[in-house]
Amino acid sequence: MPEHGPNPIDIGEPIDIGTPPPASSDEDADLLHPDDPEAEAKAKPRGRVRRVLISILLALAVVAVSMLGFTSWRIIAQRHAELEIQPSVGTLSLDYSQEGASTADYLRTALAAEVDLDHTYGAVYKEAPDKNVLFLAGTGLLWTPGQDLDAAMNLISDEEGAVTDLKDVDAGPLDGTMKCGVTKSADGDLTVCGWADHGSLALAMFNNRTPEEAAPLMLALRNATETR
């Protein structure tokens, strides 16, 4: 009987495991040759641009957060405004006549229809036979005081004519915005002043006074009427 040893293993053809493909782009070349000076030179500008963009985005984020914080603080500080009609303010005295009360009520109703407010007030003040002040005001949370003041000015425009030459004037320690302008009436020019903040809004019409004369009087009315 012939001897049989272990069967020889047929390894067949060698297995082709392939070869790495050639670099197909500059980016692949950079990966295969990290020490390539040209690749390093290209990477540096890209890195600088990326850092600049990140710095700009961070700066914008800081500014946005700061502005949001400041606006939120102003809303919180101003939203709980209260108004109280005073019997006198400087040289002005409240008109208690039936005509004065009727006019004040009309002004209050007109303002309530124009601007969304929680409470509205109206008053007529007199200083002399030829000088008086029609005052209307209200309280409530106002997200955009400047726009709400412009809307209230439209109330005057509907009744008398457009308020022109509006200029920012000193709003005083209560902050917010205050403006004065001029409108036409059957009896001549009327000066119109108004203030608005995140908790209150008011308008006043002054006859026989220029905006320069009316602005400090409007500020006195505000300081005497509004509290927080």
Protein backbone atom coordinates (compact mmCIF):
# COMPACT_ATOMS: atom_id res chain seq x y z
CA MET A 1 0.00 0.00 0.00
CA PRO A 2 1.49 3.31 -1.02
CA GLU A 3 2.12 5.87 1.64
CA HIS A 4 -0.14 8.85 1.60
CA GLY A 5 1.04 12.07 3.11
CA PRO A 6 -1.01 15.20 3.70
CA ASN A 7 -2.70 16.52 0.58
CA PRO A 8 -0.91 19.51 -0.84
CA ILE A 9 -2.93 22.76 -0.65
CA ASP A 10 -3.62 24.41 -3.95
CA ILE A 11 -3.20 28.09 -3.32
CA GLY A 12 -4.29 28.91 -6.81
CA GLU A 13 -3.67 32.35 -8.24
CA PRO A 14 -2.40 35.12 -5.91
CA ILE A 15 -5.16 37.40 -4.54
CA ASP A 16 -5.05 40.93 -5.84
CA ILE A 17 -5.66 43.29 -2.93
CA GLY A 18 -5.42 46.29 -5.17
CA THR A 19 -3.28 49.38 -4.99
CA PRO A 20 -4.13 52.79 -3.48
CA PRO A 21 -5.80 55.01 -6.09
CA PRO A 22 -3.91 58.08 -7.17
CA ALA A 23 -4.83 61.40 -5.54
CA SER A 24 -7.76 62.85 -7.46
CA SER A 25 -7.78 66.37 -6.10
CA ASP A 26 -5.70 68.95 -4.30
CA GLU A 27 -7.44 68.00 -1.06
CA ASP A 28 -6.50 64.31 -1.50
CA ALA A 29 -2.96 65.31 -2.37
CA ASP A 30 -2.78 67.28 0.84
CA LEU A 31 -3.87 64.21 2.81
CA LEU A 32 -1.32 61.96 1.11
CA HIS A 33 1.46 64.47 1.36
CA PRO A 34 0.89 66.44 4.56
CA ASP A 35 4.36 67.88 4.41
CA ASP A 36 3.85 69.31 0.95
CA PRO A 37 4.75 73.04 1.19
CA GLU A 38 2.15 74.00 -1.42
CA ALA A 39 -0.63 72.22 0.45
CA GLU A 40 0.38 73.91 3.68
CA ALA A 41 0.40 77.31 1.96
CA LYS A 42 -3.16 76.71 0.68
CA ALA A 43 -4.42 75.60 4.09
CA LYS A 44 -3.19 78.70 5.93
CA PRO A 45 -5.44 81.26 4.12
CA ARG A 46 -8.45 78.99 4.59
CA GLY A 47 -7.70 78.77 8.29
CA ARG A 48 -7.40 82.55 8.60
CA VAL A 49 -10.73 83.11 6.79
CA ARG A 50 -12.43 80.59 9.04
CA ARG A 51 -11.10 82.29 12.17
CA VAL A 52 -12.20 85.73 10.91
CA LEU A 53 -15.71 84.45 10.14
CA ILE A 54 -16.01 82.82 13.55
CA SER A 55 -14.85 86.04 15.23
CA ILE A 56 -17.42 88.10 13.31
CA LEU A 57 -20.24 85.68 14.18
CA LEU A 58 -19.27 85.73 17.85
CA ALA A 59 -19.16 89.54 17.87
CA LEU A 60 -22.61 89.75 16.23
CA ALA A 61 -24.00 87.28 18.76
CA VAL A 62 -22.63 89.35 21.66
CA VAL A 63 -24.17 92.54 20.21
CA ALA A 64 -27.54 90.84 19.65
CA VAL A 65 -27.62 89.45 23.20
CA SER A 66 -26.64 92.86 24.62
CA MET A 67 -29.36 94.65 22.64
CA LEU A 68 -31.95 92.08 23.67
CA GLY A 69 -30.93 92.43 27.29
CA PHE A 70 -31.09 96.24 27.16
CA THR A 71 -34.51 96.21 25.47
CA SER A 72 -35.84 93.68 27.97
CA TRP A 73 -34.57 95.81 30.84
CA ARG A 74 -36.30 98.91 29.43
CA ILE A 75 -39.60 97.06 28.99
CA ILE A 76 -39.47 95.74 32.55
CA ALA A 77 -38.54 99.17 33.93
CA GLN A 78 -41.24 101.10 32.02
CA ARG A 79 -44.20 98.76 31.64
CA HIS A 80 -45.83 99.52 35.01
CA ALA A 81 -46.38 103.24 34.38
CA GLU A 82 -49.25 105.02 36.11
CA LEU A 83 -50.89 108.32 35.18
CA GLU A 84 -52.81 110.75 37.35
CA ILE A 85 -54.40 113.91 36.02
CA GLN A 86 -53.23 116.81 38.17
CA PRO A 87 -55.46 119.80 39.01
CA SER A 88 -52.61 122.14 38.08
CA VAL A 89 -49.21 121.93 36.43
CA GLY A 90 -47.09 125.07 36.62
CA THR A 91 -49.20 127.89 35.22
CA LEU A 92 -51.83 125.46 33.84
CA SER A 93 -55.12 124.85 35.66
CA LEU A 94 -57.60 122.08 34.94
CA ASP A 95 -60.80 123.20 33.19
CA TYR A 96 -63.72 121.83 35.25
CA SER A 97 -66.43 123.32 33.04
CA GLN A 98 -68.99 121.14 31.25
CA GLU A 99 -67.41 121.99 27.92
CA GLY A 100 -63.96 121.07 29.22
CA ALA A 101 -65.20 117.75 30.64
CA SER A 102 -66.99 116.90 27.37
CA THR A 103 -63.88 117.66 25.32
CA ALA A 104 -61.70 115.60 27.66
CA ASP A 105 -64.04 112.62 27.38
CA TYR A 106 -64.05 112.87 23.59
CA LEU A 107 -60.24 112.95 23.52
CA ARG A 108 -60.02 109.93 25.81
CA THR A 109 -62.42 107.91 23.65
CA ALA A 110 -60.62 108.86 20.42
CA LEU A 111 -57.25 107.76 21.81
CA ALA A 112 -58.66 104.43 23.05
CA ALA A 113 -59.94 103.72 19.54
CA GLU A 114 -56.57 104.47 17.92
CA VAL A 115 -54.10 102.76 20.29
CA ASP A 116 -54.53 99.55 22.30
CA LEU A 117 -54.29 100.81 25.91
CA ASP A 118 -55.51 99.50 29.25
CA HIS A 119 -56.61 102.88 30.63
CA THR A 120 -57.13 106.25 28.94
CA TYR A 121 -57.39 109.79 30.29
CA GLY A 122 -58.38 113.19 28.94
CA ALA A 123 -58.12 116.72 30.30
CA VAL A 124 -58.31 120.35 29.27
CA TYR A 125 -55.95 122.84 30.89
CA LYS A 126 -56.18 126.61 30.72
CA GLU A 127 -53.54 129.22 31.30
CA ALA A 128 -55.16 132.35 29.87
CA PRO A 129 -58.32 133.15 27.86
CA ASP A 130 -56.37 132.67 24.62
CA LYS A 131 -54.23 129.72 25.69
CA ASN A 132 -55.25 126.17 26.59
CA VAL A 133 -53.95 122.62 26.36
CA LEU A 134 -55.90 119.56 25.22
CA PHE A 135 -54.32 116.55 26.91
CA LEU A 136 -55.00 112.85 26.25
CA ALA A 137 -53.01 109.92 27.60
CA GLY A 138 -53.14 106.23 28.43
CA THR A 139 -51.27 103.33 30.00
CA GLY A 140 -50.59 99.80 28.80
CA LEU A 141 -47.76 97.60 27.58
CA LEU A 142 -46.36 99.08 24.36
CA TRP A 143 -43.82 96.92 22.54
CA THR A 144 -42.98 99.60 19.94
CA PRO A 145 -43.49 103.02 21.59
CA GLY A 146 -42.19 105.00 18.62
CA GLN A 147 -44.61 103.36 16.19
CA ASP A 148 -47.49 103.70 18.64
CA LEU A 149 -46.77 107.40 19.03
CA ASP A 150 -46.84 107.81 15.25
CA ALA A 151 -50.21 106.01 15.19
CA ALA A 152 -51.54 108.39 17.83
CA MET A 153 -50.29 111.34 15.80
CA ASN A 154 -52.45 110.03 12.95
CA LEU A 155 -55.45 110.66 15.21
CA ILE A 156 -54.63 114.36 15.17
CA SER A 157 -54.01 114.21 11.43
CA ASP A 158 -57.47 112.77 10.82
CA GLU A 159 -59.13 115.57 12.76
CA GLU A 160 -57.09 118.64 11.89
CA GLY A 161 -54.55 117.84 9.17
CA ALA A 162 -51.15 116.17 9.05
CA VAL A 163 -48.72 116.87 11.86
CA THR A 164 -45.63 118.26 10.16
CA ASP A 165 -42.09 119.24 11.17
CA LEU A 166 -41.99 116.58 13.89
CA LYS A 167 -38.78 116.79 15.89
CA ASP A 168 -37.42 114.83 18.83
CA VAL A 169 -37.34 116.82 22.07
CA ASP A 170 -36.06 116.12 25.57
CA ALA A 171 -37.99 113.20 27.10
CA GLY A 172 -36.66 113.88 30.57
CA PRO A 173 -35.70 111.39 33.30
CA LEU A 174 -38.57 109.02 32.44
CA ASP A 175 -36.87 108.25 29.12
CA GLY A 176 -38.78 106.97 26.10
CA THR A 177 -39.41 109.20 23.10
CA MET A 178 -40.97 112.66 22.87
CA LYS A 179 -41.73 114.68 19.75
CA CYS A 180 -43.29 118.01 18.85
CA GLY A 181 -44.71 119.23 15.54
CA VAL A 182 -47.34 121.53 14.03
CA THR A 183 -50.79 120.94 12.54
CA LYS A 184 -53.36 123.24 10.96
CA SER A 185 -56.72 124.07 12.51
CA ALA A 186 -59.63 126.40 11.80
CA ASP A 187 -58.23 128.79 14.41
CA GLY A 188 -54.66 128.71 13.16
CA ASP A 189 -51.62 126.53 13.82
CA LEU A 190 -51.62 124.09 16.71
CA THR A 191 -48.46 122.70 18.26
CA VAL A 192 -48.73 118.96 18.93
CA CYS A 193 -46.41 117.17 21.35
CA GLY A 194 -46.41 113.54 22.41
CA TRP A 195 -44.46 111.06 24.47
CA ALA A 196 -44.37 107.27 24.50
CA ASP A 197 -42.53 104.60 26.45
CA HIS A 198 -43.16 100.91 27.10
CA GLY A 199 -45.89 101.70 29.64
CA SER A 200 -47.59 104.94 28.62
CA LEU A 201 -48.44 107.28 25.78
CA ALA A 202 -49.75 110.86 25.69
CA LEU A 203 -50.56 113.67 23.29
CA ALA A 204 -51.15 117.35 23.92
CA MET A 205 -52.28 120.17 21.64
CA PHE A 206 -51.19 123.72 22.40
CA ASN A 207 -52.70 126.81 20.78
CA ASN A 208 -50.77 130.08 20.46
CA ARG A 209 -47.49 128.36 21.34
CA THR A 210 -44.54 127.39 19.18
CA PRO A 211 -43.01 123.91 19.47
CA GLU A 212 -40.08 125.46 21.32
CA GLU A 213 -42.48 126.93 23.89
CA ALA A 214 -44.64 123.81 24.13
CA ALA A 215 -41.85 121.22 24.57
CA PRO A 216 -40.84 122.20 28.14
CA LEU A 217 -44.51 122.47 29.10
CA MET A 218 -45.14 118.96 27.77
CA LEU A 219 -42.18 117.70 29.79
CA ALA A 220 -43.63 119.36 32.90
CA LEU A 221 -46.98 117.67 32.23
CA ARG A 222 -45.28 114.31 31.93
CA ASN A 223 -43.18 114.69 35.07
CA ALA A 224 -46.28 115.70 37.03
CA THR A 225 -48.59 113.03 35.58
CA GLU A 226 -46.53 109.86 35.09
CA THR A 227 -45.05 107.68 37.82
CA ARG A 228 -43.60 104.16 37.90
